[in-house]
Amino acid sequence: MTLQKRLWDLVVLAIVIFAAVFATAPWFAFRALKAAAQYEDVQAIAELVDFPAVRGGLTAELKETPAAAPAEPPSIWRDPLGVFKRAMGPIAPPEPRVDRYLTVPGLAALTRGYAPGAAPAVASQPASAFDKAKTAVAGPHPTIVYWDPNRVRISVKRPGQPSKATVFTFRRDELFTWRLVHIRLPTDER
């Protein structure tokens, strides 16, 4: 073999490796998010999630239908007791529904396919190599449902209910850096 042929083979091999790493980087970002949520690594989660974007998407997705017409606040002249009841009531608005999804346990449940608070406890690590292989093969597994060079959607089906799937959208920030920017919940949980 000539030197020129070997150099050409190395260039082709480098291009193939680069393409493979570039194409699989979002899947590894999802796996890193799942592991960080499982092991409660807050710093890693902060690096992997664009919280303002995810919060905005979930807020729009979980928005409840507004009431038909808000009731007129009571008047001191017409209903003095109603004014005092309103003044003594809670001042702070109720906690947003989005917050339970953006906690570490909420993200851990979502990456496993469950709703926050509905996920069963994580099983202990198997001891034998056969048990580890059996656990790794057991599904459901995350699947890439959409891929382009700048945006990837990864779907996680709920164990036992394959019709319910949570879809994670990752956006490329740098060449191999992907961040979570949106979570689409199953339709009955919106």
N, C-alpha and C. Protein backbone atom coordinates (compact mmCIF):
# COMPACT_ATOMS: atom_id res chain seq x y z
N MET A 1 0.82 -1.18 0.00
CA MET A 1 0.00 0.00 0.00
C MET A 1 0.87 1.25 0.00
N THR A 2 0.39 2.20 -0.71
CA THR A 2 1.16 3.45 -0.76
C THR A 2 0.74 4.36 0.39
N LEU A 3 1.56 5.34 0.63
CA LEU A 3 1.29 6.30 1.69
C LEU A 3 0.03 7.12 1.39
N GLN A 4 -0.14 7.45 0.11
CA GLN A 4 -1.32 8.22 -0.29
C GLN A 4 -2.60 7.43 -0.03
N LYS A 5 -2.60 6.14 -0.29
CA LYS A 5 -3.76 5.28 -0.05
C LYS A 5 -4.07 5.21 1.45
N ARG A 6 -3.04 5.09 2.28
CA ARG A 6 -3.24 5.03 3.72
C ARG A 6 -3.79 6.35 4.26
N LEU A 7 -3.29 7.45 3.75
CA LEU A 7 -3.81 8.75 4.17
C LEU A 7 -5.29 8.90 3.77
N TRP A 8 -5.61 8.47 2.56
CA TRP A 8 -6.99 8.53 2.11
C TRP A 8 -7.89 7.68 3.01
N ASP A 9 -7.44 6.48 3.38
CA ASP A 9 -8.21 5.61 4.28
C ASP A 9 -8.40 6.27 5.65
N LEU A 10 -7.39 6.95 6.15
CA LEU A 10 -7.52 7.63 7.43
C LEU A 10 -8.51 8.80 7.36
N VAL A 11 -8.50 9.52 6.25
CA VAL A 11 -9.45 10.63 6.07
C VAL A 11 -10.88 10.09 6.02
N VAL A 12 -11.10 9.04 5.28
CA VAL A 12 -12.43 8.44 5.19
C VAL A 12 -12.88 7.92 6.56
N LEU A 13 -11.97 7.26 7.28
CA LEU A 13 -12.29 6.76 8.61
C LEU A 13 -12.64 7.90 9.56
N ALA A 14 -11.89 9.00 9.49
CA ALA A 14 -12.18 10.16 10.34
C ALA A 14 -13.54 10.76 10.01
N ILE A 15 -13.90 10.82 8.75
CA ILE A 15 -15.21 11.36 8.35
C ILE A 15 -16.33 10.46 8.85
N VAL A 16 -16.16 9.16 8.75
CA VAL A 16 -17.18 8.21 9.22
C VAL A 16 -17.34 8.32 10.75
N ILE A 17 -16.25 8.40 11.47
CA ILE A 17 -16.32 8.52 12.93
C ILE A 17 -16.98 9.84 13.31
N PHE A 18 -16.62 10.93 12.65
CA PHE A 18 -17.23 12.23 12.93
C PHE A 18 -18.73 12.18 12.68
N ALA A 19 -19.16 11.60 11.57
CA ALA A 19 -20.59 11.52 11.25
C ALA A 19 -21.34 10.67 12.28
N ALA A 20 -20.74 9.56 12.70
CA ALA A 20 -21.39 8.70 13.68
C ALA A 20 -21.53 9.41 15.03
N VAL A 21 -20.49 10.08 15.46
CA VAL A 21 -20.55 10.81 16.73
C VAL A 21 -21.55 11.96 16.64
N PHE A 22 -21.57 12.68 15.53
CA PHE A 22 -22.49 13.79 15.35
C PHE A 22 -23.94 13.32 15.35
N ALA A 23 -24.20 12.18 14.72
CA ALA A 23 -25.58 11.67 14.61
C ALA A 23 -26.07 11.09 15.93
N THR A 24 -25.20 10.53 16.75
CA THR A 24 -25.63 9.90 17.99
C THR A 24 -25.50 10.81 19.21
N ALA A 25 -24.97 12.00 19.07
CA ALA A 25 -24.79 12.92 20.20
C ALA A 25 -26.10 13.25 20.92
N PRO A 26 -27.22 13.47 20.23
CA PRO A 26 -28.46 13.75 20.97
C PRO A 26 -28.93 12.58 21.83
N TRP A 27 -28.74 11.38 21.34
CA TRP A 27 -29.13 10.21 22.13
C TRP A 27 -28.29 10.14 23.40
N PHE A 28 -27.00 10.43 23.28
CA PHE A 28 -26.14 10.44 24.47
C PHE A 28 -26.51 11.59 25.40
N ALA A 29 -26.98 12.72 24.87
CA ALA A 29 -27.45 13.82 25.72
C ALA A 29 -28.68 13.40 26.51
N PHE A 30 -29.59 12.66 25.87
CA PHE A 30 -30.76 12.15 26.59
C PHE A 30 -30.33 11.18 27.68
N ARG A 31 -29.43 10.28 27.37
CA ARG A 31 -28.94 9.33 28.37
C ARG A 31 -28.26 10.04 29.54
N ALA A 32 -27.52 11.12 29.23
CA ALA A 32 -26.87 11.89 30.29
C ALA A 32 -27.92 12.58 31.17
N LEU A 33 -28.99 13.10 30.55
CA LEU A 33 -30.07 13.73 31.31
C LEU A 33 -30.76 12.71 32.21
N LYS A 34 -31.02 11.54 31.68
CA LYS A 34 -31.67 10.48 32.46
C LYS A 34 -30.81 10.06 33.65
N ALA A 35 -29.51 9.89 33.42
CA ALA A 35 -28.61 9.50 34.50
C ALA A 35 -28.45 10.62 35.53
N ALA A 36 -28.37 11.87 35.06
CA ALA A 36 -28.23 12.99 35.99
C ALA A 36 -29.47 13.13 36.86
N ALA A 37 -30.65 12.91 36.29
CA ALA A 37 -31.89 12.99 37.07
C ALA A 37 -31.99 11.82 38.04
N GLN A 38 -31.57 10.65 37.61
CA GLN A 38 -31.64 9.47 38.48
C GLN A 38 -30.70 9.62 39.67
N TYR A 39 -29.51 10.16 39.44
CA TYR A 39 -28.53 10.30 40.51
C TYR A 39 -28.53 11.69 41.15
N GLU A 40 -29.55 12.52 40.82
CA GLU A 40 -29.77 13.83 41.41
C GLU A 40 -28.55 14.74 41.26
N ASP A 41 -27.97 14.77 40.09
CA ASP A 41 -26.83 15.64 39.78
C ASP A 41 -27.38 16.95 39.22
N VAL A 42 -27.59 17.92 40.11
CA VAL A 42 -28.24 19.17 39.74
C VAL A 42 -27.39 19.97 38.76
N GLN A 43 -26.09 19.98 38.93
CA GLN A 43 -25.22 20.73 38.03
C GLN A 43 -25.28 20.18 36.61
N ALA A 44 -25.28 18.88 36.46
CA ALA A 44 -25.37 18.28 35.13
C ALA A 44 -26.73 18.58 34.50
N ILE A 45 -27.79 18.54 35.29
CA ILE A 45 -29.12 18.86 34.76
C ILE A 45 -29.16 20.31 34.29
N ALA A 46 -28.54 21.21 35.05
CA ALA A 46 -28.52 22.62 34.66
C ALA A 46 -27.78 22.83 33.34
N GLU A 47 -26.78 22.01 33.08
CA GLU A 47 -26.04 22.12 31.82
C GLU A 47 -26.81 21.51 30.65
N LEU A 48 -27.67 20.54 30.92
CA LEU A 48 -28.37 19.81 29.86
C LEU A 48 -29.75 20.36 29.53
N VAL A 49 -30.32 21.22 30.39
CA VAL A 49 -31.69 21.68 30.21
C VAL A 49 -31.70 23.20 30.09
N ASP A 50 -32.39 23.71 29.08
CA ASP A 50 -32.64 25.14 28.94
C ASP A 50 -33.97 25.41 29.68
N PHE A 51 -33.87 25.72 30.98
CA PHE A 51 -35.05 25.82 31.82
C PHE A 51 -36.06 26.87 31.37
N PRO A 52 -35.65 28.08 30.95
CA PRO A 52 -36.67 29.03 30.48
C PRO A 52 -37.47 28.52 29.28
N ALA A 53 -36.81 27.87 28.34
CA ALA A 53 -37.50 27.36 27.17
C ALA A 53 -38.44 26.21 27.54
N VAL A 54 -37.98 25.29 28.39
CA VAL A 54 -38.82 24.16 28.79
C VAL A 54 -40.00 24.65 29.62
N ARG A 55 -39.76 25.61 30.53
CA ARG A 55 -40.84 26.16 31.35
C ARG A 55 -41.89 26.84 30.47
N GLY A 56 -41.44 27.62 29.49
CA GLY A 56 -42.39 28.28 28.59
C GLY A 56 -43.23 27.29 27.80
N GLY A 57 -42.60 26.23 27.30
CA GLY A 57 -43.34 25.22 26.54
C GLY A 57 -44.33 24.46 27.41
N LEU A 58 -43.90 24.07 28.61
CA LEU A 58 -44.80 23.34 29.50
C LEU A 58 -45.93 24.23 30.01
N THR A 59 -45.65 25.51 30.25
CA THR A 59 -46.70 26.42 30.70
C THR A 59 -47.78 26.54 29.64
N ALA A 60 -47.39 26.67 28.39
CA ALA A 60 -48.37 26.76 27.31
C ALA A 60 -49.12 25.43 27.16
N GLU A 61 -48.43 24.33 27.36
CA GLU A 61 -49.05 23.02 27.20
C GLU A 61 -50.02 22.69 28.34
N LEU A 62 -49.71 23.14 29.55
CA LEU A 62 -50.53 22.83 30.72
C LEU A 62 -51.54 23.92 31.05
N LYS A 63 -51.63 24.93 30.20
CA LYS A 63 -52.53 26.05 30.49
C LYS A 63 -53.97 25.55 30.57
N GLU A 64 -54.59 25.86 31.69
CA GLU A 64 -55.98 25.47 31.87
C GLU A 64 -56.87 26.44 31.12
N THR A 65 -58.05 25.98 30.77
CA THR A 65 -58.99 26.87 30.09
C THR A 65 -59.43 27.95 31.08
N PRO A 66 -59.38 29.22 30.67
CA PRO A 66 -59.74 30.28 31.60
C PRO A 66 -61.23 30.26 31.91
N ALA A 67 -61.56 30.81 33.06
CA ALA A 67 -62.97 30.90 33.45
C ALA A 67 -63.69 31.83 32.49
N ALA A 68 -65.00 31.63 32.36
CA ALA A 68 -65.79 32.41 31.41
C ALA A 68 -65.67 33.90 31.69
N ALA A 69 -65.95 34.33 32.89
CA ALA A 69 -65.83 35.74 33.27
C ALA A 69 -65.48 35.79 34.74
N PRO A 70 -64.42 36.49 35.07
CA PRO A 70 -64.07 36.56 36.50
C PRO A 70 -65.14 37.34 37.25
N ALA A 71 -65.41 36.89 38.45
CA ALA A 71 -66.42 37.57 39.26
C ALA A 71 -65.92 38.95 39.66
N GLU A 72 -66.83 39.87 39.75
CA GLU A 72 -66.48 41.24 40.14
C GLU A 72 -66.06 41.22 41.61
N PRO A 73 -64.96 41.88 41.94
CA PRO A 73 -64.55 41.89 43.34
C PRO A 73 -65.62 42.56 44.21
N PRO A 74 -65.76 42.10 45.43
CA PRO A 74 -66.79 42.68 46.29
C PRO A 74 -66.51 44.16 46.59
N SER A 75 -67.58 44.89 46.77
CA SER A 75 -67.48 46.32 47.07
C SER A 75 -67.70 46.52 48.56
N ILE A 76 -66.99 47.48 49.13
CA ILE A 76 -67.14 47.78 50.56
C ILE A 76 -68.54 48.28 50.86
N TRP A 77 -69.21 48.88 49.86
CA TRP A 77 -70.55 49.43 50.07
C TRP A 77 -71.63 48.36 49.92
N ARG A 78 -71.41 47.39 49.05
CA ARG A 78 -72.44 46.37 48.82
C ARG A 78 -72.24 45.12 49.68
N ASP A 79 -70.97 44.72 49.87
CA ASP A 79 -70.68 43.48 50.59
C ASP A 79 -69.45 43.68 51.47
N PRO A 80 -69.59 44.32 52.62
CA PRO A 80 -68.42 44.59 53.46
C PRO A 80 -67.77 43.31 53.99
N LEU A 81 -68.54 42.27 54.30
CA LEU A 81 -67.94 41.02 54.78
C LEU A 81 -67.16 40.32 53.67
N GLY A 82 -67.66 40.39 52.43
CA GLY A 82 -66.94 39.80 51.31
C GLY A 82 -65.60 40.45 51.08
N VAL A 83 -65.50 41.75 51.31
CA VAL A 83 -64.23 42.46 51.18
C VAL A 83 -63.24 41.95 52.20
N PHE A 84 -63.70 41.78 53.45
CA PHE A 84 -62.80 41.31 54.49
C PHE A 84 -62.40 39.84 54.27
N LYS A 85 -63.31 39.02 53.78
CA LYS A 85 -62.98 37.62 53.47
C LYS A 85 -61.91 37.55 52.38
N ARG A 86 -62.07 38.40 51.38
CA ARG A 86 -61.08 38.41 50.29
C ARG A 86 -59.73 38.91 50.79
N ALA A 87 -59.75 39.90 51.68
CA ALA A 87 -58.50 40.42 52.22
C ALA A 87 -57.81 39.40 53.11
N MET A 88 -58.54 38.53 53.78
CA MET A 88 -57.96 37.54 54.67
C MET A 88 -57.55 36.27 53.92
N GLY A 89 -57.96 36.14 52.68
CA GLY A 89 -57.64 34.94 51.90
C GLY A 89 -56.17 34.89 51.53
N PRO A 90 -55.77 33.82 50.89
CA PRO A 90 -54.35 33.67 50.52
C PRO A 90 -53.95 34.75 49.52
N ILE A 91 -52.78 35.33 49.77
CA ILE A 91 -52.28 36.40 48.93
C ILE A 91 -51.50 35.84 47.75
N ALA A 92 -50.71 34.82 48.02
CA ALA A 92 -49.86 34.25 46.98
C ALA A 92 -50.71 33.42 46.02
N PRO A 93 -50.40 33.49 44.73
CA PRO A 93 -51.12 32.65 43.78
C PRO A 93 -50.75 31.18 44.00
N PRO A 94 -51.57 30.27 43.54
CA PRO A 94 -51.24 28.86 43.70
C PRO A 94 -49.97 28.51 42.91
N GLU A 95 -49.29 27.47 43.36
CA GLU A 95 -48.05 27.05 42.72
C GLU A 95 -48.32 26.62 41.28
N PRO A 96 -47.49 27.07 40.35
CA PRO A 96 -47.71 26.67 38.95
C PRO A 96 -47.62 25.16 38.78
N ARG A 97 -48.42 24.64 37.90
CA ARG A 97 -48.42 23.19 37.65
C ARG A 97 -47.12 22.74 37.00
N VAL A 98 -46.39 23.67 36.41
CA VAL A 98 -45.16 23.33 35.69
C VAL A 98 -44.05 22.91 36.65
N ASP A 99 -44.05 23.44 37.86
CA ASP A 99 -42.93 23.21 38.77
C ASP A 99 -42.70 21.74 39.09
N ARG A 100 -43.73 20.94 39.17
CA ARG A 100 -43.52 19.53 39.49
C ARG A 100 -42.82 18.78 38.36
N TYR A 101 -42.90 19.28 37.14
CA TYR A 101 -42.22 18.65 36.01
C TYR A 101 -40.75 19.02 35.95
N LEU A 102 -40.37 20.17 36.50
CA LEU A 102 -39.01 20.67 36.38
C LEU A 102 -38.17 20.42 37.63
N THR A 103 -38.62 19.58 38.52
CA THR A 103 -37.81 19.18 39.65
C THR A 103 -36.97 17.97 39.25
N VAL A 104 -36.00 17.64 40.07
CA VAL A 104 -35.15 16.48 39.77
C VAL A 104 -35.98 15.20 39.75
N PRO A 105 -36.85 14.93 40.75
CA PRO A 105 -37.68 13.72 40.65
C PRO A 105 -38.65 13.77 39.47
N GLY A 106 -39.15 14.95 39.13
CA GLY A 106 -40.06 15.07 37.99
C GLY A 106 -39.37 14.74 36.69
N LEU A 107 -38.14 15.26 36.49
CA LEU A 107 -37.39 14.93 35.28
C LEU A 107 -37.00 13.46 35.25
N ALA A 108 -36.68 12.90 36.42
CA ALA A 108 -36.34 11.47 36.46
C ALA A 108 -37.53 10.62 36.04
N ALA A 109 -38.73 10.99 36.51
CA ALA A 109 -39.93 10.24 36.13
C ALA A 109 -40.23 10.41 34.65
N LEU A 110 -40.10 11.63 34.13
CA LEU A 110 -40.38 11.87 32.71
C LEU A 110 -39.42 11.10 31.81
N THR A 111 -38.15 11.03 32.16
CA THR A 111 -37.18 10.31 31.31
C THR A 111 -37.42 8.81 31.33
N ARG A 112 -38.16 8.32 32.33
CA ARG A 112 -38.53 6.91 32.37
C ARG A 112 -39.88 6.66 31.73
N GLY A 113 -40.60 7.75 31.34
CA GLY A 113 -41.88 7.61 30.67
C GLY A 113 -43.08 7.83 31.56
N TYR A 114 -42.88 8.13 32.83
CA TYR A 114 -43.98 8.29 33.78
C TYR A 114 -44.27 9.76 34.02
N ALA A 115 -45.44 10.04 34.59
CA ALA A 115 -45.77 11.39 35.04
C ALA A 115 -45.06 11.62 36.38
N PRO A 116 -44.75 12.87 36.71
CA PRO A 116 -44.10 13.14 38.00
C PRO A 116 -44.96 12.64 39.17
N GLY A 117 -44.33 11.92 40.06
CA GLY A 117 -45.02 11.37 41.22
C GLY A 117 -45.67 10.03 40.97
N ALA A 118 -45.73 9.58 39.73
CA ALA A 118 -46.38 8.32 39.41
C ALA A 118 -45.40 7.20 39.08
N ALA A 119 -44.12 7.50 39.10
CA ALA A 119 -43.11 6.50 38.72
C ALA A 119 -42.85 5.55 39.89
N PRO A 120 -42.74 4.26 39.61
CA PRO A 120 -42.37 3.32 40.67
C PRO A 120 -40.90 3.52 41.05
N ALA A 121 -40.55 3.02 42.19
CA ALA A 121 -39.17 3.15 42.66
C ALA A 121 -38.22 2.43 41.71
N VAL A 122 -37.03 2.96 41.58
CA VAL A 122 -36.02 2.35 40.71
C VAL A 122 -35.52 1.09 41.39
N ALA A 123 -35.47 0.01 40.63
CA ALA A 123 -35.00 -1.27 41.17
C ALA A 123 -33.52 -1.18 41.49
N SER A 124 -33.09 -1.98 42.46
CA SER A 124 -31.68 -1.99 42.82
C SER A 124 -30.85 -2.58 41.68
N GLN A 125 -29.58 -2.28 41.68
CA GLN A 125 -28.69 -2.75 40.63
C GLN A 125 -28.58 -4.27 40.68
N PRO A 126 -28.72 -4.95 39.54
CA PRO A 126 -28.59 -6.41 39.53
C PRO A 126 -27.15 -6.83 39.81
N ALA A 127 -27.02 -8.00 40.41
CA ALA A 127 -25.70 -8.46 40.84
C ALA A 127 -24.95 -9.19 39.73
N SER A 128 -25.60 -10.09 39.02
CA SER A 128 -24.89 -10.89 38.03
C SER A 128 -24.89 -10.22 36.66
N ALA A 129 -23.98 -10.65 35.81
CA ALA A 129 -23.89 -10.10 34.46
C ALA A 129 -25.14 -10.45 33.65
N PHE A 130 -25.70 -11.63 33.87
CA PHE A 130 -26.91 -12.02 33.15
C PHE A 130 -28.08 -11.11 33.53
N ASP A 131 -28.21 -10.80 34.83
CA ASP A 131 -29.28 -9.90 35.27
C ASP A 131 -29.09 -8.49 34.71
N LYS A 132 -27.85 -8.04 34.62
CA LYS A 132 -27.58 -6.72 34.04
C LYS A 132 -27.96 -6.69 32.57
N ALA A 133 -27.64 -7.75 31.84
CA ALA A 133 -27.99 -7.81 30.43
C ALA A 133 -29.51 -7.88 30.26
N LYS A 134 -30.19 -8.64 31.12
CA LYS A 134 -31.64 -8.74 31.05
C LYS A 134 -32.29 -7.39 31.33
N THR A 135 -31.76 -6.64 32.29
CA THR A 135 -32.28 -5.31 32.61
C THR A 135 -32.05 -4.35 31.45
N ALA A 136 -30.90 -4.45 30.80
CA ALA A 136 -30.58 -3.55 29.68
C ALA A 136 -31.47 -3.81 28.47
N VAL A 137 -31.86 -5.06 28.27
CA VAL A 137 -32.68 -5.42 27.12
C VAL A 137 -34.16 -5.11 27.36
N ALA A 138 -34.58 -5.12 28.63
CA ALA A 138 -35.98 -4.86 28.95
C ALA A 138 -36.36 -3.46 28.49
N GLY A 139 -37.51 -3.32 27.88
CA GLY A 139 -37.94 -2.04 27.33
C GLY A 139 -38.89 -1.33 28.26
N PRO A 140 -39.51 -0.32 27.80
CA PRO A 140 -39.36 0.35 26.51
C PRO A 140 -38.12 1.23 26.48
N HIS A 141 -37.61 1.43 25.30
CA HIS A 141 -36.40 2.23 25.12
C HIS A 141 -36.76 3.56 24.45
N PRO A 142 -35.95 4.58 24.70
CA PRO A 142 -36.19 5.85 23.99
C PRO A 142 -35.90 5.67 22.51
N THR A 143 -36.72 6.28 21.68
CA THR A 143 -36.52 6.19 20.23
C THR A 143 -36.47 7.60 19.65
N ILE A 144 -35.66 7.76 18.64
CA ILE A 144 -35.56 9.04 17.96
C ILE A 144 -36.69 9.09 16.93
N VAL A 145 -37.61 10.05 17.09
CA VAL A 145 -38.75 10.16 16.18
C VAL A 145 -38.52 11.24 15.13
N TYR A 146 -37.57 12.13 15.36
CA TYR A 146 -37.25 13.17 14.38
C TYR A 146 -35.79 13.56 14.59
N TRP A 147 -35.06 13.71 13.49
CA TRP A 147 -33.66 14.12 13.58
C TRP A 147 -33.34 15.05 12.43
N ASP A 148 -32.75 16.19 12.74
CA ASP A 148 -32.11 17.02 11.74
C ASP A 148 -30.85 17.57 12.38
N PRO A 149 -29.99 18.24 11.65
CA PRO A 149 -28.71 18.65 12.23
C PRO A 149 -28.81 19.58 13.44
N ASN A 150 -29.94 20.26 13.64
CA ASN A 150 -30.04 21.21 14.74
C ASN A 150 -31.12 20.87 15.77
N ARG A 151 -31.98 19.91 15.51
CA ARG A 151 -33.08 19.60 16.42
C ARG A 151 -33.39 18.11 16.35
N VAL A 152 -33.61 17.53 17.53
CA VAL A 152 -33.91 16.09 17.62
C VAL A 152 -35.04 15.89 18.61
N ARG A 153 -35.97 15.00 18.27
CA ARG A 153 -37.05 14.64 19.19
C ARG A 153 -36.89 13.17 19.55
N ILE A 154 -36.88 12.92 20.86
CA ILE A 154 -36.74 11.56 21.39
C ILE A 154 -38.00 11.22 22.16
N SER A 155 -38.61 10.09 21.82
CA SER A 155 -39.86 9.67 22.43
C SER A 155 -39.60 8.55 23.43
N VAL A 156 -40.26 8.65 24.58
CA VAL A 156 -40.19 7.62 25.61
C VAL A 156 -41.61 7.15 25.89
N LYS A 157 -41.88 5.88 25.60
CA LYS A 157 -43.21 5.32 25.85
C LYS A 157 -43.32 4.87 27.29
N ARG A 158 -44.52 5.02 27.84
CA ARG A 158 -44.75 4.61 29.22
C ARG A 158 -44.79 3.09 29.29
N PRO A 159 -44.06 2.51 30.22
CA PRO A 159 -44.10 1.05 30.38
C PRO A 159 -45.51 0.57 30.68
N GLY A 160 -45.97 -0.39 29.91
CA GLY A 160 -47.31 -0.95 30.09
C GLY A 160 -48.40 -0.18 29.36
N GLN A 161 -48.11 1.03 28.90
CA GLN A 161 -49.09 1.83 28.16
C GLN A 161 -48.39 2.47 26.96
N PRO A 162 -48.16 1.71 25.90
CA PRO A 162 -47.38 2.24 24.77
C PRO A 162 -48.06 3.39 24.03
N SER A 163 -49.36 3.60 24.26
CA SER A 163 -50.03 4.72 23.58
C SER A 163 -49.66 6.06 24.19
N LYS A 164 -49.14 6.07 25.42
CA LYS A 164 -48.73 7.30 26.08
C LYS A 164 -47.22 7.46 25.92
N ALA A 165 -46.84 8.54 25.26
CA ALA A 165 -45.41 8.79 25.04
C ALA A 165 -45.09 10.23 25.39
N THR A 166 -43.96 10.41 26.03
CA THR A 166 -43.42 11.73 26.33
C THR A 166 -42.33 12.00 25.31
N VAL A 167 -42.36 13.18 24.68
CA VAL A 167 -41.39 13.51 23.63
C VAL A 167 -40.50 14.64 24.13
N PHE A 168 -39.20 14.41 24.08
CA PHE A 168 -38.19 15.39 24.49
C PHE A 168 -37.57 15.99 23.23
N THR A 169 -37.51 17.30 23.16
CA THR A 169 -36.90 17.98 22.03
C THR A 169 -35.58 18.58 22.46
N PHE A 170 -34.51 18.20 21.76
CA PHE A 170 -33.18 18.71 22.03
C PHE A 170 -32.75 19.62 20.88
N ARG A 171 -32.05 20.70 21.23
CA ARG A 171 -31.52 21.64 20.24
C ARG A 171 -30.00 21.65 20.36
N ARG A 172 -29.34 21.71 19.21
CA ARG A 172 -27.88 21.73 19.20
C ARG A 172 -27.41 23.15 19.51
N ASP A 173 -26.54 23.29 20.52
CA ASP A 173 -25.95 24.58 20.86
C ASP A 173 -24.58 24.74 20.23
N GLU A 174 -23.77 23.72 20.32
CA GLU A 174 -22.44 23.71 19.72
C GLU A 174 -22.34 22.45 18.87
N LEU A 175 -21.15 22.16 18.38
CA LEU A 175 -21.01 21.05 17.45
C LEU A 175 -21.52 19.73 18.04
N PHE A 176 -21.15 19.42 19.28
CA PHE A 176 -21.58 18.17 19.90
C PHE A 176 -22.36 18.40 21.19
N THR A 177 -22.82 19.61 21.44
CA THR A 177 -23.55 19.94 22.66
C THR A 177 -25.04 20.12 22.36
N TRP A 178 -25.86 19.34 23.03
CA TRP A 178 -27.31 19.37 22.83
C TRP A 178 -27.97 19.70 24.15
N ARG A 179 -29.04 20.52 24.13
CA ARG A 179 -29.77 20.90 25.33
C ARG A 179 -31.26 20.64 25.14
N LEU A 180 -31.90 20.22 26.21
CA LEU A 180 -33.34 20.00 26.20
C LEU A 180 -34.05 21.35 26.17
N VAL A 181 -34.95 21.53 25.18
CA VAL A 181 -35.66 22.80 25.05
C VAL A 181 -37.18 22.65 25.15
N HIS A 182 -37.70 21.43 25.05
CA HIS A 182 -39.16 21.26 25.12
C HIS A 182 -39.49 19.83 25.53
N ILE A 183 -40.58 19.70 26.28
CA ILE A 183 -41.11 18.40 26.66
C ILE A 183 -42.58 18.39 26.26
N ARG A 184 -42.96 17.42 25.42
CA ARG A 184 -44.37 17.27 25.05
C ARG A 184 -44.93 16.07 25.81
N LEU A 185 -45.96 16.34 26.59
CA LEU A 185 -46.57 15.32 27.43
C LEU A 185 -47.60 14.53 26.64
N PRO A 186 -48.00 13.36 27.11
CA PRO A 186 -49.11 12.64 26.47
C PRO A 186 -50.37 13.50 26.50
N THR A 187 -51.24 13.31 25.52
CA THR A 187 -52.39 14.19 25.35
C THR A 187 -53.32 14.20 26.56
N ASP A 188 -53.50 13.10 27.26
CA ASP A 188 -54.43 13.08 28.38
C ASP A 188 -53.84 13.71 29.64
N GLU A 189 -52.55 14.05 29.64
CA GLU A 189 -51.93 14.68 30.80
C GLU A 189 -51.73 16.18 30.61
N ARG A 190 -52.13 16.70 29.48
CA ARG A 190 -51.95 18.13 29.23
C ARG A 190 -53.02 18.94 29.91
